[in-house]
């Protein structure tokens, strides 16, 4: 069986330059997509992994197995080419840029490598594909995976091969695609180094743009320019036969086949987003970040549905009262491992709850959020993945974000005991009481307690059904390690503000 790699474009666009063409001189986007680009992405995923997922020999064996087979076949859907023009401001004049991109129908396409992989190589390939967050330029957010259930392109796809193997009954246009040499001449190291520099033992002359930065490797493109080589070693142009019917001026709109009045639901359990800001986002603002994102998503949903109400997004009933039973989304800011800074946001859908298509569209449409009234430092939100890895059972768990004891957890108690409150919350969540809860030191020298900005609710008048008034106040949350007598799965956070990111736990690997 060949190795089939699926590329799913999260925004439906593939931004990619043709090798050797400057951005201001592009005539069209890179399409068909380049297998050389895919192999470079796999190599980059290996180099950026800490720790490395394999030895260097295992890495090279996998890449060369994919690169030395015959030029891969591709399964491409109908595709439209589009362009965005913009000006780059300079000191004396403005420079016009052309951003060409391809829009494949359905946002999916496939590479088919005619080679066989061992079980270890297949596992390594899955690991590297899982680390990739985009394909092409950074705008092309993508999810890449191996597909075992595909034996052909299926309806709506075109089989695209090099012109020597093209179907003579189909009209096609030749398109140059950069591929690895399908022979023993290709080496994995060709993806990031030049053989001439290695053979001579001389370091490539650094361009002025990176001069004065010791320890920084010279980019392969700069090395090739200095050596006046048009292509990397082990690479060659191959003409693919792109069927004429696969390229259209504009993709038709997909009309819903749902009967009138029937809601369309999508099966999504988790959405991962990247949070980017010019200044670090402190962990103390986790609740504020989650609330700001939820508010932006709710506004988008109401604008698209003429003011409809979503209990799943808002966590409230139509009368404004708080929804009970944890049947609404968890907005979970994620700190950088070992630090007190937020870098990601997980949206977790509770078990038994499904999202409507309009709700998913609202969640994915949020691009920027602002904390409070400070608009100097907005947070950019970038979608990264959907349906992330499920948690594995474990006996020992550690706080990912601090646990905040809920107000009035036990009526009549003059003193709150965080350990007892945590044990009670965990037993209610997973059905198993922990055998031990210990205070632990947080990351970055945080100590066992960390100040956070959390909700402080004011009591309602007697008999009032509306939601209580609230404000964000500084409170002390606690870091814990938790032990159970058998492996359990903690799928959701616990404690106060659990729906906004506090009280998250992660498994501790047992030695």
Protein backbone atom coordinates (compact mmCIF):
# COMPACT_ATOMS: atom_id res chain seq x y z
CA UNK A 1 0.00 0.00 0.00
CA UNK A 2 1.31 3.49 -0.84
CA UNK A 3 1.75 6.15 1.83
CA UNK A 4 -1.13 8.65 1.56
CA UNK A 5 -0.65 11.98 3.36
CA UNK A 6 -3.66 14.26 3.72
CA UNK A 7 -3.26 18.04 3.99
CA UNK A 8 -6.29 19.79 5.48
CA UNK A 9 -6.18 23.59 5.15
CA UNK A 10 -7.98 25.09 8.13
CA UNK A 11 -8.72 28.38 6.32
CA UNK A 12 -9.18 26.72 2.92
CA UNK A 13 -6.21 28.58 1.38
CA UNK A 14 -2.76 27.44 0.31
CA UNK A 15 -0.27 30.33 0.27
CA UNK A 16 2.97 29.15 -1.33
CA UNK A 17 5.63 30.62 -3.62
CA UNK A 18 7.10 28.81 -6.59
CA UNK A 19 10.78 28.05 -5.97
CA UNK A 20 12.99 30.82 -7.36
CA UNK A 21 10.21 33.36 -7.92
CA UNK A 22 10.21 36.55 -5.86
CA UNK A 23 6.97 37.57 -4.23
CA UNK A 24 6.61 40.75 -6.33
CA UNK A 25 7.28 38.78 -9.54
CA UNK A 26 4.93 35.83 -9.01
CA UNK A 27 2.62 34.88 -11.82
CA UNK A 28 0.56 32.30 -9.88
CA UNK A 29 0.73 30.33 -6.65
CA UNK A 30 2.59 27.05 -6.37
CA UNK A 31 0.09 24.49 -7.62
CA UNK A 32 0.31 21.50 -7.75
CA UNK A 33 1.90 21.61 -4.28
CA UNK A 34 5.58 20.73 -4.06
CA UNK A 35 6.73 17.38 -2.59
CA UNK A 36 10.09 19.05 -1.88
CA UNK A 37 8.25 21.51 0.38
CA UNK A 38 6.61 18.64 2.25
CA UNK A 39 9.95 16.91 2.90
CA UNK A 40 11.50 20.18 4.11
CA UNK A 41 8.57 20.62 6.49
CA UNK A 42 9.15 17.12 7.90
CA UNK A 43 12.84 17.89 8.40
CA UNK A 44 11.98 21.17 10.12
CA UNK A 45 9.55 19.36 12.44
CA UNK A 46 12.34 16.98 13.48
CA UNK A 47 14.86 19.76 14.17
CA UNK A 48 12.41 21.82 16.26
CA UNK A 49 11.27 18.88 18.42
CA UNK A 50 12.64 18.81 21.97
CA UNK A 51 13.59 16.10 22.67
CA UNK A 52 14.28 14.71 19.20
CA UNK A 53 11.68 12.05 18.24
CA UNK A 54 14.33 9.74 16.71
CA UNK A 55 17.99 9.40 15.87
CA UNK A 56 19.47 11.22 12.90
CA UNK A 57 19.86 7.94 11.02
CA UNK A 58 16.18 7.07 11.49
CA UNK A 59 15.20 10.56 10.36
CA UNK A 60 17.30 10.33 7.20
CA UNK A 61 16.03 6.82 6.40
CA UNK A 62 12.41 8.02 6.55
CA UNK A 63 12.99 11.14 4.43
CA UNK A 64 15.06 9.28 1.83
CA UNK A 65 12.46 6.52 1.61
CA UNK A 66 9.89 9.16 0.63
CA UNK A 67 12.26 11.16 -1.57
CA UNK A 68 13.84 8.36 -3.56
CA UNK A 69 10.63 6.76 -4.78
CA UNK A 70 9.12 7.87 -8.07
CA UNK A 71 7.61 11.36 -8.16
CA UNK A 72 4.53 11.19 -5.92
CA UNK A 73 1.05 11.17 -7.30
CA UNK A 74 -1.35 13.85 -6.05
CA UNK A 75 -5.10 13.91 -5.61
CA UNK A 76 -6.33 17.46 -6.07
CA UNK A 77 -9.90 18.84 -6.04
CA UNK A 78 -11.22 21.66 -8.19
CA UNK A 79 -9.13 24.71 -7.37
CA UNK A 80 -9.44 28.46 -7.90
CA UNK A 81 -6.48 30.87 -7.94
CA UNK A 82 -6.95 34.18 -6.17
CA UNK A 83 -4.81 37.18 -5.32
CA UNK A 84 -4.51 39.90 -2.72
CA UNK A 85 -2.51 43.03 -3.57
CA UNK A 86 -0.99 45.22 -0.91
CA UNK A 87 1.71 47.85 -0.57
CA UNK A 88 4.72 47.58 1.69
CA UNK A 89 5.54 51.07 3.02
CA UNK A 90 9.18 52.09 2.54
CA UNK A 91 11.05 55.29 3.32
CA UNK A 92 11.01 56.69 -0.23
CA UNK A 93 8.37 54.73 -2.12
CA UNK A 94 5.78 52.01 -1.74
CA UNK A 95 6.48 48.47 -2.99
CA UNK A 96 3.58 46.55 -4.51
CA UNK A 97 3.27 42.90 -3.48
CA UNK A 98 1.06 40.19 -4.98
CA UNK A 99 -0.10 37.48 -2.60
CA UNK A 100 -1.28 34.62 -4.82
CA UNK A 101 -2.95 31.64 -3.20
CA UNK A 102 -4.86 28.52 -4.22
CA UNK A 103 -8.33 27.72 -2.90
CA UNK A 104 -8.99 23.96 -3.25
CA UNK A 105 -12.60 22.85 -2.90
CA UNK A 106 -13.14 21.35 0.53
CA UNK A 107 -9.71 22.53 1.71
CA UNK A 108 -8.11 19.07 1.33
CA UNK A 109 -5.58 17.46 -1.00
CA UNK A 110 -3.36 14.37 -0.87
CA UNK A 111 0.21 13.22 -1.60
CA UNK A 112 0.63 9.56 -2.58
CA UNK A 113 4.16 8.13 -2.21
CA UNK A 114 4.76 4.77 -3.88
CA UNK A 115 6.92 3.35 -1.11
CA UNK A 116 6.62 1.11 1.92
CA UNK A 117 7.55 2.12 5.46
CA UNK A 118 8.44 0.02 8.45
CA UNK A 119 6.32 0.30 11.59
CA UNK A 120 8.98 2.50 13.23
CA UNK A 121 9.19 4.79 10.20
CA UNK A 122 5.42 5.08 10.04
CA UNK A 123 5.28 6.02 13.72
CA UNK A 124 7.98 8.66 13.20
CA UNK A 125 6.13 10.05 10.16
CA UNK A 126 2.92 10.36 12.18
CA UNK A 127 4.83 12.18 14.93
CA UNK A 128 6.40 14.67 12.52
CA UNK A 129 3.14 15.31 10.68
CA UNK A 130 1.43 15.94 14.00
CA UNK A 131 3.96 18.68 14.80
CA UNK A 132 3.31 20.63 11.59
CA UNK A 133 1.03 23.64 12.00
CA UNK A 134 1.08 25.06 8.46
CA UNK A 135 1.97 24.04 4.92
CA UNK A 136 3.46 26.68 2.65
CA UNK A 137 3.56 30.12 4.19
CA UNK A 138 2.53 30.68 7.78
CA UNK A 139 -0.92 31.89 6.66
CA UNK A 140 -1.69 28.38 5.41
CA UNK A 141 -2.65 26.83 8.75
CA UNK A 142 -3.01 23.12 8.15
CA UNK A 143 -3.40 19.70 9.74
CA UNK A 144 -1.40 16.86 8.16
CA UNK A 145 -2.02 13.18 8.77
CA UNK A 146 -1.56 9.70 7.28
CA UNK A 147 -4.71 8.23 5.76
CA UNK A 148 -5.11 4.45 5.67
CA UNK A 149 -8.74 4.37 4.50
CA UNK A 150 -8.17 5.90 1.06
CA UNK A 151 -7.58 3.65 -1.95
CA UNK A 152 -8.31 6.22 -4.67
CA UNK A 153 -8.98 9.89 -5.22
CA UNK A 154 -12.73 9.51 -4.86
CA UNK A 155 -15.44 11.73 -6.39
CA UNK A 156 -14.53 15.36 -6.88
CA UNK A 157 -10.76 14.72 -7.02
CA UNK A 158 -8.36 14.56 -9.96
CA UNK A 159 -5.41 12.19 -10.18
CA UNK A 160 -2.36 14.37 -10.98
CA UNK A 161 0.87 12.67 -12.13
CA UNK A 162 3.97 13.63 -14.07
CA UNK A 163 3.26 14.15 -17.76
CA UNK A 164 4.87 10.86 -18.87
CA UNK A 165 2.21 8.94 -16.92
CA UNK A 166 -0.71 11.26 -17.69
CA UNK A 167 -4.00 10.00 -19.06
CA UNK A 168 -4.08 10.64 -22.80
CA UNK A 169 -7.87 11.07 -22.84
CA UNK A 170 -7.82 14.09 -20.51
CA UNK A 171 -6.82 17.59 -21.53
CA UNK A 172 -4.10 18.92 -19.26
CA UNK A 173 -1.55 21.71 -18.90
CA UNK A 174 2.07 21.05 -17.88
CA UNK A 175 3.09 22.66 -14.56
CA UNK A 176 6.63 22.59 -13.16
CA UNK A 177 6.88 21.18 -9.64
CA UNK A 178 10.02 20.98 -7.49
CA UNK A 179 10.60 17.36 -6.42
CA UNK A 180 13.44 15.30 -4.95
CA UNK A 181 15.46 13.29 -7.43
CA UNK A 182 13.81 9.88 -7.69
CA UNK A 183 17.09 7.98 -7.49
CA UNK A 184 19.98 7.32 -5.14
CA UNK A 185 21.29 10.84 -5.72
CA UNK A 186 18.88 12.39 -3.21
CA UNK A 187 20.07 12.72 0.37
CA UNK A 188 18.05 13.90 3.34
CA UNK A 189 20.71 16.52 4.13
CA UNK A 190 20.04 18.17 0.75
CA UNK A 191 16.95 19.70 2.35
CA UNK A 192 19.02 21.96 4.62
CA UNK A 193 22.67 21.96 3.47
CA UNK A 194 24.75 22.31 0.30
CA UNK A 195 27.12 19.51 -0.67
CA UNK A 196 29.64 21.98 -2.07
CA UNK A 197 30.00 23.74 1.30
CA UNK A 198 30.29 20.45 3.14
CA UNK A 199 32.86 19.00 0.71
CA UNK A 200 35.08 22.09 0.78
CA UNK A 201 34.87 22.34 4.55
CA UNK A 202 34.32 26.09 4.25
CA UNK A 203 31.55 27.94 5.94
CA UNK A 204 29.26 29.83 3.64
CA UNK A 205 29.73 33.56 3.76
CA UNK A 206 27.00 35.10 5.84
CA UNK A 207 24.95 37.78 4.17
CA UNK A 208 24.91 41.21 5.73
CA UNK A 209 21.35 40.70 6.99
CA UNK A 210 22.52 38.14 9.55
CA UNK A 211 26.08 39.37 10.14
CA UNK A 212 27.04 39.84 13.75
CA UNK A 213 24.78 37.08 15.07
CA UNK A 214 27.10 34.29 16.20
CA UNK A 215 25.68 30.79 16.36
CA UNK A 216 22.98 31.43 13.75
CA UNK A 217 23.14 28.99 10.80
CA UNK A 218 22.98 30.43 7.31
CA UNK A 219 19.74 29.70 5.48
CA UNK A 220 19.96 27.22 2.60
CA UNK A 221 18.67 29.82 0.14
CA UNK A 222 21.46 32.24 1.10
CA UNK A 223 24.02 29.45 0.63
CA UNK A 224 22.66 28.63 -2.84
CA UNK A 225 22.73 32.30 -3.82
CA UNK A 226 26.34 32.61 -2.73
CA UNK A 227 27.24 29.48 -4.71
CA UNK A 228 25.13 30.58 -7.72
CA UNK A 229 23.13 27.36 -7.74
CA UNK A 230 19.53 27.59 -9.02
CA UNK A 231 18.38 24.43 -7.25
CA UNK A 232 19.41 22.52 -4.13
CA UNK A 233 21.40 19.32 -4.50
CA UNK A 234 19.13 16.32 -4.98
CA UNK A 235 16.26 18.41 -6.38
CA UNK A 236 14.89 18.71 -9.89
CA UNK A 237 11.95 20.19 -11.78
CA UNK A 238 9.30 17.70 -12.89
CA UNK A 239 6.43 18.61 -15.17
CA UNK A 240 3.09 17.44 -13.84
CA UNK A 241 -0.02 17.17 -15.99
CA UNK A 242 -2.62 19.37 -14.28
CA UNK A 243 -6.09 18.57 -15.73
CA UNK A 244 -7.69 21.66 -17.23
CA UNK A 245 -11.03 20.86 -15.60
CA UNK A 246 -9.41 20.98 -12.15
CA UNK A 247 -8.73 24.75 -12.38
CA UNK A 248 -11.77 27.03 -12.26
CA UNK A 249 -12.23 30.79 -12.08
CA UNK A 250 -14.40 30.60 -8.98
CA UNK A 251 -15.63 27.79 -6.77
CA UNK A 252 -19.41 27.54 -6.55
CA UNK A 253 -20.98 28.14 -3.20
CA UNK A 254 -21.83 25.01 -1.27
CA UNK A 255 -25.53 24.99 -0.59
CA UNK A 256 -26.80 23.35 2.54
CA UNK A 257 -28.72 20.12 2.02
CA UNK A 258 -30.35 20.35 5.47
CA UNK A 259 -34.15 20.65 5.44
CA UNK A 260 -35.55 23.96 6.60
CA UNK A 261 -35.68 24.19 10.39
CA UNK A 262 -33.16 21.35 10.95
CA UNK A 263 -29.94 22.32 12.70
CA UNK A 264 -26.58 21.17 11.33
CA UNK A 265 -24.20 19.77 13.95
CA UNK A 266 -20.48 19.06 13.67
CA UNK A 267 -18.45 16.54 15.65
CA UNK A 268 -15.71 18.58 17.32
CA UNK A 269 -14.38 17.75 20.77
CA UNK A 270 -11.53 20.25 21.09
CA UNK A 271 -10.19 23.30 19.26
CA UNK A 272 -6.64 24.57 19.76
CA UNK A 273 -5.77 28.24 19.28
CA UNK A 274 -2.47 30.11 19.52
CA UNK A 275 -2.37 33.39 21.48
CA UNK A 276 0.14 35.97 20.20
CA UNK A 277 0.86 39.36 21.76
CA UNK A 278 3.78 41.80 21.66
CA UNK A 279 4.12 41.57 25.44
CA UNK A 280 3.69 38.35 27.49
CA UNK A 281 0.22 37.43 28.73
CA UNK A 282 0.50 36.67 32.47
CA UNK A 283 -1.21 33.59 33.89
CA UNK A 284 -3.02 35.87 36.33
CA UNK A 285 -5.15 37.08 33.37
CA UNK A 286 -6.33 33.59 32.35
CA UNK A 287 -9.98 34.23 33.30
CA UNK A 288 -9.95 37.64 31.64
CA UNK A 289 -8.52 36.16 28.42
CA UNK A 290 -11.12 33.37 28.34
CA UNK A 291 -13.97 35.81 28.99
CA UNK A 292 -12.74 38.19 26.27
CA UNK A 293 -12.58 35.35 23.74
CA UNK A 294 -16.03 34.08 24.70
CA UNK A 295 -17.52 37.56 24.40
CA UNK A 296 -16.03 37.99 20.93
CA UNK A 297 -17.37 34.59 19.82
CA UNK A 298 -20.84 35.35 21.21
CA UNK A 299 -20.93 38.69 19.36
CA UNK A 300 -19.98 36.96 16.13
CA UNK A 301 -22.65 34.30 16.64
CA UNK A 302 -25.37 36.87 17.38
CA UNK A 303 -24.41 38.92 14.32
CA UNK A 304 -24.62 35.86 12.06
CA UNK A 305 -27.92 34.55 13.49
CA UNK A 306 -29.84 37.81 13.93
CA UNK A 307 -29.49 37.83 17.71
CA UNK A 308 -30.14 34.13 18.45
CA UNK A 309 -29.08 32.75 21.84
CA UNK A 310 -26.54 29.96 22.31
CA UNK A 311 -26.50 28.21 25.67
CA UNK A 312 -23.40 26.26 24.62
CA UNK A 313 -21.34 29.40 23.96
CA UNK A 314 -22.61 31.67 26.73
CA UNK A 315 -23.15 29.25 29.59
CA UNK A 316 -26.44 31.00 30.37
CA UNK A 317 -30.11 30.28 29.88
CA UNK A 318 -32.26 32.56 27.76
CA UNK A 319 -33.49 34.40 30.88
CA UNK A 320 -29.88 35.28 31.79
CA UNK A 321 -29.52 32.81 34.66
CA UNK A 322 -26.45 30.58 34.83
CA UNK A 323 -26.72 27.26 33.03
CA UNK A 324 -26.35 24.22 35.26
CA UNK A 325 -24.85 20.81 34.63
CA UNK A 326 -21.63 21.90 32.84
CA UNK A 327 -23.28 21.52 29.43
CA UNK A 328 -21.46 24.50 27.94
CA UNK A 329 -17.98 25.06 26.57
CA UNK A 330 -14.76 25.19 28.55
CA UNK A 331 -12.46 28.07 27.48
CA UNK A 332 -9.05 26.99 28.78
CA UNK A 333 -6.01 29.29 28.42
CA UNK A 334 -2.79 27.27 28.42
CA UNK A 335 0.47 28.49 30.01
CA UNK A 336 3.89 27.93 28.48
CA UNK A 337 5.35 24.79 30.16
CA UNK A 338 7.38 25.79 33.19
CA UNK A 339 6.41 29.47 32.96
CA UNK A 340 3.63 31.78 34.14
CA UNK A 341 2.75 33.07 30.67
CA UNK A 342 -0.20 32.16 28.46
CA UNK A 343 0.51 31.11 24.88
CA UNK A 344 -2.49 29.00 23.80
CA UNK A 345 -6.22 28.53 24.31
CA UNK A 346 -8.13 25.23 24.24
CA UNK A 347 -11.87 25.14 23.65
CA UNK A 348 -13.18 21.87 25.02
CA UNK A 349 -16.66 20.54 24.23
CA UNK A 350 -18.17 18.52 27.11
CA UNK A 351 -19.07 14.89 26.49
CA UNK A 352 -22.62 14.61 25.15
CA UNK A 353 -22.66 18.15 23.72
CA UNK A 354 -22.38 18.86 19.99
CA UNK A 355 -21.70 22.18 18.31
CA UNK A 356 -23.97 23.70 15.71
CA UNK A 357 -22.22 24.80 12.54
CA UNK A 358 -23.03 28.44 13.33
CA UNK A 359 -21.41 28.08 16.76
CA UNK A 360 -18.24 26.56 15.29
CA UNK A 361 -18.07 29.34 12.67
CA UNK A 362 -18.38 31.95 15.43
CA UNK A 363 -15.55 30.36 17.44
CA UNK A 364 -13.25 30.20 14.41
CA UNK A 365 -14.03 33.76 13.30
CA UNK A 366 -12.38 35.45 16.30
CA UNK A 367 -9.11 37.03 15.16
CA UNK A 368 -8.28 39.54 17.92
CA UNK A 369 -9.26 40.07 21.53
CA UNK A 370 -8.48 42.92 23.93
CA UNK A 371 -8.17 42.71 27.70
CA UNK A 372 -10.27 45.44 29.26
CA UNK A 373 -9.93 48.85 27.64
CA UNK A 374 -6.22 48.54 26.82
CA UNK A 375 -6.15 48.47 23.01
CA UNK A 376 -2.38 49.06 22.77
CA UNK A 377 -1.60 45.35 23.03
CA UNK A 378 -4.32 43.26 21.34
CA UNK A 379 -4.04 39.47 21.38
CA UNK A 380 -4.00 37.79 17.98
CA UNK A 381 -5.84 34.45 17.88
CA UNK A 382 -4.62 31.86 15.37
CA UNK A 383 -6.40 28.47 14.91
CA UNK A 384 -3.98 25.55 15.07
CA UNK A 385 -5.82 22.25 15.34
CA UNK A 386 -9.15 20.59 15.95
CA UNK A 387 -9.95 17.37 17.82
CA UNK A 388 -6.69 17.21 19.77
CA UNK A 389 -5.26 14.19 21.52
CA UNK A 390 -7.38 12.75 24.31
CA UNK A 391 -5.96 12.58 27.83
CA UNK A 392 -4.58 9.25 28.97
CA UNK A 393 -5.38 7.66 32.35
CA UNK A 394 -2.83 8.26 35.08
CA UNK A 395 -2.48 7.76 38.82
CA UNK A 396 -0.64 11.03 39.48
CA UNK A 397 -1.68 14.48 38.28
CA UNK A 398 -0.17 17.95 38.62
CA UNK A 399 -1.72 21.40 38.34
CA UNK A 400 -1.39 22.98 34.90
CA UNK A 401 -3.17 26.09 36.18
CA UNK A 402 -3.77 26.79 39.89
CA UNK A 403 -6.88 25.52 41.65
CA UNK A 404 -9.20 28.18 43.07
CA UNK A 405 -11.43 26.97 45.95
CA UNK A 406 -15.08 27.71 45.18
CA UNK A 407 -17.02 30.11 47.40
CA UNK A 408 -19.30 28.52 50.02
CA UNK A 409 -18.14 25.04 49.08
CA UNK A 410 -19.25 23.83 52.51
CA UNK A 411 -21.82 25.88 54.29
CA UNK A 412 -21.20 26.64 57.94
CA UNK A 413 -17.41 26.37 57.74
CA UNK A 414 -15.55 29.35 59.14
CA UNK A 415 -12.24 28.24 57.59
CA UNK A 416 -11.78 26.92 54.07
CA UNK A 417 -9.41 24.00 53.54
CA UNK A 418 -8.24 23.94 49.88
CA UNK A 419 -7.08 20.30 50.08
CA UNK A 420 -10.54 19.11 51.17
CA UNK A 421 -12.30 21.26 48.60
CA UNK A 422 -10.05 19.93 45.83
CA UNK A 423 -10.64 16.32 46.89
CA UNK A 424 -14.40 16.86 46.87
CA UNK A 425 -14.33 18.54 43.44
CA UNK A 426 -12.19 15.76 41.93
CA UNK A 427 -14.45 13.02 43.30
CA UNK A 428 -17.48 14.78 41.83
CA UNK A 429 -15.70 15.17 38.47
CA UNK A 430 -14.25 11.67 37.89
CA UNK A 431 -16.16 9.58 40.44
CA UNK A 432 -13.00 8.55 42.32
CA UNK A 433 -11.72 10.19 45.49
CA UNK A 434 -7.97 10.93 45.55
CA UNK A 435 -5.90 9.20 48.19
CA UNK A 436 -3.55 12.17 48.53
CA UNK A 437 -3.60 15.90 47.69
CA UNK A 438 -0.36 17.80 48.30
CA UNK A 439 0.45 21.45 47.86
CA UNK A 440 3.22 21.88 45.27
CA UNK A 441 5.39 24.72 44.05
CA UNK A 442 4.23 26.32 40.83
CA UNK A 443 6.45 27.05 37.82
CA UNK A 444 8.78 30.01 37.73
CA UNK A 445 9.17 30.22 41.51
CA UNK A 446 5.48 30.92 42.02
CA UNK A 447 5.32 29.13 45.35
CA UNK A 448 2.32 27.06 46.40
CA UNK A 449 -0.11 29.96 45.90
CA UNK A 450 -0.51 32.31 42.94
CA UNK A 451 -2.62 35.48 42.73
CA UNK A 452 -5.14 35.38 39.87
CA UNK A 453 -7.90 37.67 38.68
CA UNK A 454 -11.06 35.62 39.18
CA UNK A 455 -14.80 36.19 39.49
CA UNK A 456 -16.17 37.63 42.70
CA UNK A 457 -19.96 37.31 42.73
CA UNK A 458 -22.32 39.48 44.73
CA UNK A 459 -25.30 37.71 46.30
CA UNK A 460 -28.68 38.04 44.61
CA UNK A 461 -31.69 39.47 46.40
CA UNK A 462 -33.86 36.76 47.86
CA UNK A 463 -35.90 34.99 45.20
CA UNK A 464 -34.16 36.69 42.26
CA UNK A 465 -33.69 34.48 39.19
CA UNK A 466 -31.31 36.71 37.27
CA UNK A 467 -27.58 36.04 37.27
CA UNK A 468 -25.67 37.57 40.19
CA UNK A 469 -23.51 40.61 39.54
CA UNK A 470 -19.77 39.99 39.34
CA UNK A 471 -16.38 41.62 38.96
CA UNK A 472 -12.82 40.37 38.53
CA UNK A 473 -10.83 40.59 41.77
CA UNK A 474 -7.42 39.30 42.83
CA UNK A 475 -7.66 36.02 44.71
CA UNK A 476 -5.17 33.36 45.76
CA UNK A 477 -5.21 30.02 43.92
CA UNK A 478 -3.22 26.90 44.84
CA UNK A 479 -0.90 24.48 43.03
CA UNK A 480 -1.34 20.75 43.78
CA UNK A 481 -0.16 17.27 43.00
CA UNK A 482 -2.87 14.59 43.28
CA UNK A 483 -2.54 10.81 43.72
CA UNK A 484 -5.23 8.18 43.04
CA UNK A 485 -5.20 4.50 43.88
CA UNK A 486 -5.86 3.61 40.22
CA UNK A 487 -5.53 5.36 36.85
CA UNK A 488 -8.22 7.98 36.20
CA UNK A 489 -8.89 10.56 33.50
CA UNK A 490 -9.45 14.20 34.45
CA UNK A 491 -11.16 15.50 31.32
CA UNK A 492 -12.30 18.89 32.67
CA UNK A 493 -10.93 21.42 35.17
CA UNK A 494 -12.38 21.73 38.68
CA UNK A 495 -13.02 24.48 41.19
CA UNK A 496 -14.06 28.10 40.78
CA UNK A 497 -13.80 29.50 37.25
CA UNK A 498 -13.14 26.02 35.87
CA UNK A 499 -14.90 27.02 32.62
CA UNK A 500 -12.38 29.86 32.20
CA UNK A 501 -9.15 27.91 32.65
CA UNK A 502 -8.42 27.62 36.37
CA UNK A 503 -8.12 24.21 38.00
CA UNK A 504 -6.59 22.33 35.04
CA UNK A 505 -4.53 19.20 35.74
CA UNK A 506 -2.09 17.22 33.60
CA UNK A 507 -0.84 13.63 34.05
CA UNK A 508 2.57 12.93 35.55
CA UNK A 509 4.46 10.20 33.73
CA UNK A 510 5.43 7.37 36.08
CA UNK A 511 9.01 6.20 35.95
